[in-house]
Protein backbone atom coordinates (compact mmCIF):
# COMPACT_ATOMS: atom_id res chain seq x y z
CA MET A 1 0.00 0.00 0.00
CA SER A 2 1.18 3.53 -0.75
CA LYS A 3 1.32 6.08 2.04
CA GLU A 4 0.66 9.81 2.18
CA VAL A 5 2.85 12.36 3.95
CA PHE A 6 2.09 16.05 4.44
CA PHE A 7 4.34 19.05 5.04
CA THR A 8 3.68 22.74 5.51
CA ILE A 9 6.27 24.82 3.64
CA PRO A 10 8.37 26.59 6.27
CA LYS A 11 9.62 30.16 6.00
CA GLU A 12 13.19 29.11 5.20
CA LEU A 13 12.05 27.22 2.07
CA SER A 14 9.76 29.97 0.76
CA SER A 15 10.72 31.05 -2.79
CA GLU A 16 12.61 27.78 -3.31
CA ARG A 17 12.08 25.59 -6.36
CA ALA A 18 9.61 22.79 -5.66
CA ASP A 19 11.95 19.83 -6.25
CA LYS A 20 14.65 21.37 -4.06
CA ALA A 21 12.11 22.13 -1.32
CA VAL A 22 10.83 18.55 -1.35
CA ILE A 23 14.38 17.18 -1.17
CA SER A 24 14.99 19.38 1.89
CA LEU A 25 11.80 18.08 3.52
CA MET A 26 12.46 14.45 2.54
CA PRO A 27 16.27 14.12 2.63
CA SER A 28 16.28 10.30 2.63
CA TYR A 29 15.04 10.23 -1.00
CA SER A 30 17.10 10.89 -4.12
CA ARG A 31 16.60 13.84 -6.44
CA SER A 32 15.62 11.59 -9.34
CA PHE A 33 13.03 9.80 -7.18
CA ILE A 34 11.51 13.12 -6.06
CA GLN A 35 11.39 14.42 -9.62
CA ARG A 36 9.65 11.23 -10.78
CA LEU A 37 7.01 11.70 -8.06
CA ILE A 38 6.46 15.28 -9.23
CA SER A 39 6.21 14.21 -12.90
CA SER A 40 3.72 11.46 -12.06
CA GLY A 41 1.48 13.82 -10.09
CA ASP A 42 2.20 12.12 -6.75
CA ILE A 43 3.40 15.37 -5.20
CA THR A 44 0.88 18.20 -4.99
CA ILE A 45 0.73 21.60 -3.32
CA ASP A 46 -2.62 22.78 -1.97
CA GLY A 47 -4.25 19.94 -3.89
CA LYS A 48 -2.80 20.84 -7.31
CA GLU A 49 -0.18 19.06 -9.38
CA ILE A 50 3.05 20.97 -9.86
CA SER A 51 6.18 21.08 -11.99
CA LYS A 52 9.65 20.75 -10.49
CA ASN A 53 10.29 24.44 -11.33
CA ARG A 54 7.25 25.68 -9.43
CA ILE A 55 8.23 28.17 -6.70
CA VAL A 56 6.85 27.31 -3.25
CA LYS A 57 5.55 29.73 -0.64
CA GLU A 58 5.49 29.69 3.12
CA GLY A 59 2.34 28.08 4.53
CA GLU A 60 1.48 26.00 1.45
CA VAL A 61 0.60 22.37 2.15
CA LEU A 62 2.62 19.78 0.30
CA ARG A 63 1.28 16.23 -0.08
CA ALA A 64 3.41 13.32 -1.27
CA VAL A 65 2.11 9.86 -2.15
CA LEU A 66 4.95 7.41 -1.59
CA PRO A 67 4.87 3.99 -3.26
CA GLU A 68 5.11 0.86 -1.20
CA GLU A 69 8.68 0.12 -0.30
CA ASN A 70 9.89 -2.82 -2.33
CA GLU A 71 12.97 -4.80 -1.44
CA GLN A 72 13.13 -6.59 -4.76
CA VAL A 73 16.46 -6.24 -6.49
CA ILE A 74 16.28 -5.61 -10.22
CA LYS A 75 18.07 -8.54 -11.80
CA ALA A 76 19.82 -8.95 -15.11
CA GLU A 77 17.88 -11.36 -17.33
CA ASN A 78 18.96 -13.04 -20.54
CA LEU A 79 16.10 -11.75 -22.67
CA PRO A 80 16.16 -11.11 -26.43
CA LEU A 81 17.35 -7.59 -27.21
CA ASP A 82 17.13 -6.23 -30.76
CA ILE A 83 19.90 -3.62 -30.94
CA VAL A 84 19.76 -1.80 -34.28
CA TYR A 85 22.55 0.70 -33.56
CA GLU A 86 25.31 0.93 -30.95
CA ASP A 87 28.46 2.92 -30.21
CA LYS A 88 30.36 3.91 -27.06
CA ASP A 89 27.79 6.58 -26.15
CA LEU A 90 24.38 5.07 -26.83
CA LEU A 91 22.38 2.29 -28.38
CA VAL A 92 19.05 2.22 -30.18
CA VAL A 93 16.81 -0.71 -29.34
CA ASN A 94 13.89 -2.00 -31.37
CA LYS A 95 11.49 -2.84 -28.52
CA GLN A 96 9.10 -5.69 -29.06
CA LYS A 97 5.38 -5.33 -28.47
CA GLY A 98 4.33 -6.50 -25.00
CA MET A 99 7.60 -5.62 -23.24
CA VAL A 100 7.50 -3.12 -20.38
CA VAL A 101 10.38 -0.62 -20.55
CA HIS A 102 11.37 -0.45 -16.89
CA PRO A 103 10.49 -2.22 -13.62
CA ALA A 104 7.50 -1.00 -11.62
CA PRO A 105 5.19 -2.56 -9.02
CA GLY A 106 3.82 -5.69 -10.66
CA SER A 107 6.55 -5.80 -13.34
CA PHE A 108 9.94 -6.37 -11.75
CA SER A 109 11.10 -8.89 -14.33
CA GLY A 110 10.86 -9.36 -18.08
CA THR A 111 11.38 -5.66 -18.77
CA LEU A 112 13.71 -3.93 -21.20
CA VAL A 113 15.83 -2.81 -18.24
CA ASN A 114 16.28 -6.41 -17.09
CA ALA A 115 17.52 -7.26 -20.59
CA LEU A 116 19.80 -4.20 -20.74
CA LEU A 117 21.41 -5.12 -17.41
CA TYR A 118 22.25 -8.57 -18.76
CA HIS A 119 23.61 -7.45 -22.11
CA LYS A 120 25.22 -4.13 -21.11
CA GLY A 121 25.84 -4.45 -17.37
CA SER A 122 27.00 -1.25 -15.70
CA SER A 123 27.63 0.66 -18.95
CA LEU A 124 24.37 2.62 -18.69
CA SER A 125 23.57 6.15 -17.55
CA SER A 126 22.57 6.61 -13.91
CA ILE A 127 20.48 9.78 -14.12
CA ASN A 128 17.13 8.02 -13.68
CA GLY A 129 18.34 5.81 -10.85
CA GLU A 130 18.72 2.09 -10.36
CA GLU A 131 15.26 1.25 -11.70
CA ARG A 132 15.77 3.02 -15.05
CA PRO A 133 19.43 2.76 -16.03
CA GLY A 134 20.02 4.22 -19.49
CA ILE A 135 16.36 5.02 -20.06
CA VAL A 136 15.94 8.50 -21.59
CA HIS A 137 12.40 8.08 -22.94
CA ARG A 138 9.76 5.36 -22.95
CA LEU A 139 7.29 3.49 -25.10
CA ASP A 140 4.07 1.96 -23.81
CA LYS A 141 4.11 -1.77 -23.17
CA ASP A 142 2.08 -2.54 -26.30
CA THR A 143 3.82 0.00 -28.54
CA SER A 144 6.71 -1.49 -30.50
CA GLY A 145 9.67 0.27 -32.03
CA LEU A 146 12.74 2.42 -31.54
CA LEU A 147 14.06 3.61 -28.22
CA ILE A 148 17.34 5.42 -27.41
CA VAL A 149 19.34 4.09 -24.45
CA ALA A 150 22.18 6.23 -23.04
CA LYS A 151 25.41 4.59 -21.91
CA HIS A 152 26.56 7.47 -19.71
CA ASP A 153 25.13 10.59 -18.09
CA PHE A 154 26.54 13.07 -20.63
CA ALA A 155 24.82 11.26 -23.50
CA HIS A 156 21.64 11.02 -21.45
CA GLU A 157 21.61 14.77 -20.79
CA LYS A 158 22.25 15.62 -24.45
CA ILE A 159 19.39 13.44 -25.71
CA ALA A 160 17.06 14.69 -22.96
CA GLN A 161 17.91 18.28 -23.96
CA GLN A 162 16.89 17.54 -27.55
CA MET A 163 13.59 16.18 -26.31
CA LYS A 164 13.05 19.32 -24.24
CA GLU A 165 13.92 21.56 -27.20
CA ARG A 166 11.72 19.45 -29.52
CA THR A 167 14.52 18.72 -31.94
CA LEU A 168 14.36 14.94 -31.45
CA LYS A 169 12.52 13.49 -34.45
CA ARG A 170 10.02 10.70 -33.73
CA GLU A 171 7.81 9.14 -36.36
CA TYR A 172 5.25 6.41 -35.79
CA LYS A 173 3.07 4.17 -37.93
CA ALA A 174 -0.41 3.16 -36.78
CA ILE A 175 -3.68 1.64 -37.89
CA VAL A 176 -6.64 3.63 -36.60
CA ARG A 177 -10.34 2.87 -36.60
CA GLY A 178 -12.50 4.62 -39.17
CA ASN A 179 -11.64 6.39 -42.40
CA ILE A 180 -9.87 9.74 -42.04
CA LYS A 181 -11.07 12.10 -44.76
CA ASP A 182 -8.19 14.60 -44.67
CA ASP A 183 -4.93 13.42 -46.23
CA SER A 184 -2.94 15.14 -43.49
CA GLY A 185 -3.40 17.40 -40.50
CA THR A 186 -2.28 18.50 -37.06
CA ILE A 187 -3.88 17.81 -33.69
CA ASP A 188 -2.95 20.62 -31.31
CA VAL A 189 -4.85 19.84 -28.11
CA PRO A 190 -3.38 19.97 -24.56
CA ILE A 191 -3.21 16.73 -22.58
CA GLY A 192 -3.04 16.08 -18.85
CA ARG A 193 -3.93 13.53 -16.21
CA SER A 194 -7.56 12.45 -16.36
CA SER A 195 -9.70 13.77 -13.53
CA LYS A 196 -11.67 10.51 -13.60
CA ASP A 197 -8.82 7.98 -13.71
CA ARG A 198 -5.31 9.00 -12.60
CA LYS A 199 -3.75 6.21 -14.68
CA LYS A 200 -5.13 7.72 -17.89
CA ARG A 201 -4.48 10.92 -19.82
CA ALA A 202 -7.21 13.08 -21.33
CA VAL A 203 -7.82 16.32 -23.22
CA LYS A 204 -10.21 17.45 -20.46
CA SER A 205 -7.83 17.02 -17.60
CA ILE A 206 -5.92 18.24 -14.58
CA ASN A 207 -3.15 20.74 -15.42
CA PRO A 208 -3.05 20.02 -19.18
CA LYS A 209 0.19 20.61 -21.09
CA ASP A 210 0.54 21.50 -24.76
CA ALA A 211 0.60 18.50 -27.06
CA ILE A 212 1.03 18.52 -30.85
CA THR A 213 0.72 15.52 -33.18
CA HIS A 214 0.97 15.62 -36.98
CA PHE A 215 -0.66 12.88 -39.06
CA GLU A 216 -0.56 11.76 -42.69
CA VAL A 217 -2.82 9.18 -44.29
CA LEU A 218 -0.77 6.43 -45.94
CA GLU A 219 -3.61 4.14 -47.03
CA ARG A 220 -7.32 3.67 -46.42
CA PHE A 221 -9.05 0.35 -45.82
CA ASN A 222 -12.63 -0.66 -45.15
CA GLY A 223 -13.22 0.83 -41.71
CA TYR A 224 -9.55 1.50 -40.95
CA THR A 225 -6.81 3.97 -41.93
CA TYR A 226 -3.06 3.42 -42.05
CA VAL A 227 -1.35 6.60 -40.86
CA GLY A 228 2.09 8.07 -40.28
CA LEU A 229 2.42 10.26 -37.21
CA SER A 230 5.11 12.61 -35.91
CA LEU A 231 5.42 14.25 -32.52
CA GLU A 232 6.37 17.80 -31.62
CA THR A 233 5.80 17.05 -27.94
CA GLY A 234 6.11 13.80 -26.04
CA ARG A 235 3.28 13.60 -23.55
CA THR A 236 2.32 10.29 -21.99
CA HIS A 237 -0.05 8.36 -24.31
CA GLN A 238 -0.09 11.41 -26.63
CA ILE A 239 -0.81 9.65 -29.93
CA ARG A 240 -3.38 7.34 -28.36
CA VAL A 241 -5.24 10.21 -26.67
CA HIS A 242 -5.08 12.52 -29.69
CA MET A 243 -6.33 9.93 -32.17
CA ALA A 244 -9.15 8.91 -29.83
CA HIS A 245 -10.05 12.59 -29.43
CA LYS A 246 -10.18 12.93 -33.20
CA GLY A 247 -12.60 10.01 -33.34
CA ASN A 248 -10.08 7.56 -34.80
CA PRO A 249 -8.62 5.57 -31.89
CA ILE A 250 -5.67 3.27 -32.50
CA ALA A 251 -6.88 -0.19 -33.51
CA GLY A 252 -6.70 -2.56 -30.56
CA ASP A 253 -6.44 0.21 -27.94
CA THR A 254 -8.97 -0.84 -25.29
CA VAL A 255 -7.91 1.95 -22.89
CA TYR A 256 -8.77 4.85 -25.19
CA GLY A 257 -10.68 3.04 -27.92
CA GLY A 258 -13.61 2.04 -25.74
CA ARG A 259 -13.98 -1.55 -26.94
CA LYS A 260 -12.06 -4.70 -27.76
CA ASN A 261 -10.90 -5.21 -31.31
CA LYS A 262 -12.96 -7.93 -32.99
CA LEU A 263 -10.02 -9.03 -35.13
CA GLY A 264 -8.08 -10.28 -32.12
CA LEU A 265 -5.36 -7.62 -32.04
CA ASP A 266 -3.60 -7.78 -28.66
CA GLY A 267 -2.97 -4.16 -27.69
CA GLN A 268 -2.74 -1.06 -29.87
CA CYS A 269 -1.36 -1.25 -33.43
CA LEU A 270 1.30 1.45 -32.98
CA HIS A 271 4.97 1.28 -33.98
CA ALA A 272 7.80 3.79 -33.41
CA ALA A 273 9.28 3.53 -36.88
CA LEU A 274 11.90 6.31 -37.02
CA ILE A 275 14.01 8.29 -34.61
CA GLY A 276 16.30 11.19 -35.57
CA PHE A 277 18.76 12.97 -33.28
CA ASN A 278 22.05 14.82 -33.09
CA HIS A 279 24.67 12.44 -31.76
CA PRO A 280 25.61 13.53 -28.21
CA ALA A 281 29.36 13.23 -28.84
CA THR A 282 29.83 14.26 -32.48
CA GLY A 283 26.80 16.48 -33.06
CA GLU A 284 26.17 14.60 -36.31
CA TYR A 285 22.49 14.21 -37.21
CA MET A 286 21.41 10.58 -37.41
CA GLU A 287 18.19 8.87 -38.45
CA ILE A 288 17.41 5.25 -37.67
CA GLU A 289 14.42 3.38 -39.05
CA SER A 290 12.64 0.17 -38.12
CA ASN A 291 10.57 -2.00 -40.45
CA LEU A 292 6.99 -2.80 -39.55
CA PRO A 293 6.89 -5.82 -37.21
CA LYS A 294 5.04 -9.04 -37.99
CA TYR A 295 1.98 -8.29 -35.83
CA PHE A 296 1.49 -5.02 -37.73
CA LEU A 297 1.85 -6.60 -41.18
CA ASP A 298 -0.46 -9.46 -40.20
CA PHE A 299 -3.11 -6.96 -39.16
CA ILE A 300 -2.80 -5.07 -42.45
CA ARG A 301 -3.39 -8.34 -44.30
CA ARG A 302 -6.48 -9.01 -42.22
CA ILE A 303 -8.06 -5.69 -43.09
CA GLY A 304 -7.59 -6.05 -46.81
CA ARG A 305 -4.10 -5.64 -48.19
CA VAL A 306 -1.64 -8.40 -48.90
CA GLU A 307 2.08 -7.57 -48.88
């Protein structure tokens, strides 16, 4: 069970940045752990979610929801790892559908991190702590495709900076329900944590943040559309929420699609097909692509096109 703790901001921490104030109030926890709690909405001030840069004031009430302490050690596991690019600074992994990226309550084994620890050992960045070594960004469990893994903290910081500055290029392929009439378009609708279900994101939400997704129709089928998508921002579940908001949820997405897919697709049909970035050491721009996986091609065949 998680537990709640409450603090009243004292005078000496007034005008301090939120993450630094929380670290002062909870000195037994690491900075990365505190920042993850802030990002996940588990730290609030006067009942509202905050950013780590939010300035606190004397007398405000801070609430922190702390996860259950878990003594499980994250173990290296000899799991298949599809590395499509690697050098001394980073690697790019083609994550399979159904694999969780990092350990969390209920998923302490079988994750990408377990596989990375086996294949790469200690040669991974430490910025996100012991539970997320090397992990700069994530993909949902049932989203397949390309993911950058940093081998050291400098590379991690350089890639994270590109994400912040929106210069990291990310392109996805998806099958969505329904026929999209426009050949291309942009969905510019803020996203935040759902007020009805804290595990979900929504356009009508708590503290929404800007979110921009571009789409292009690649092919139309009977009742489905094959689309290419690119992100300007990288909000949690962004593509899934935006396409559902448009009225064309990702095929197989039972969280945002509202029903099970009758064709037996296990999870959303969404693949991270291309990633482009400036190499953290050389500054050289690189693009890496991934072919559509078997589950995706099989689904295309089912809905009317044979490769």
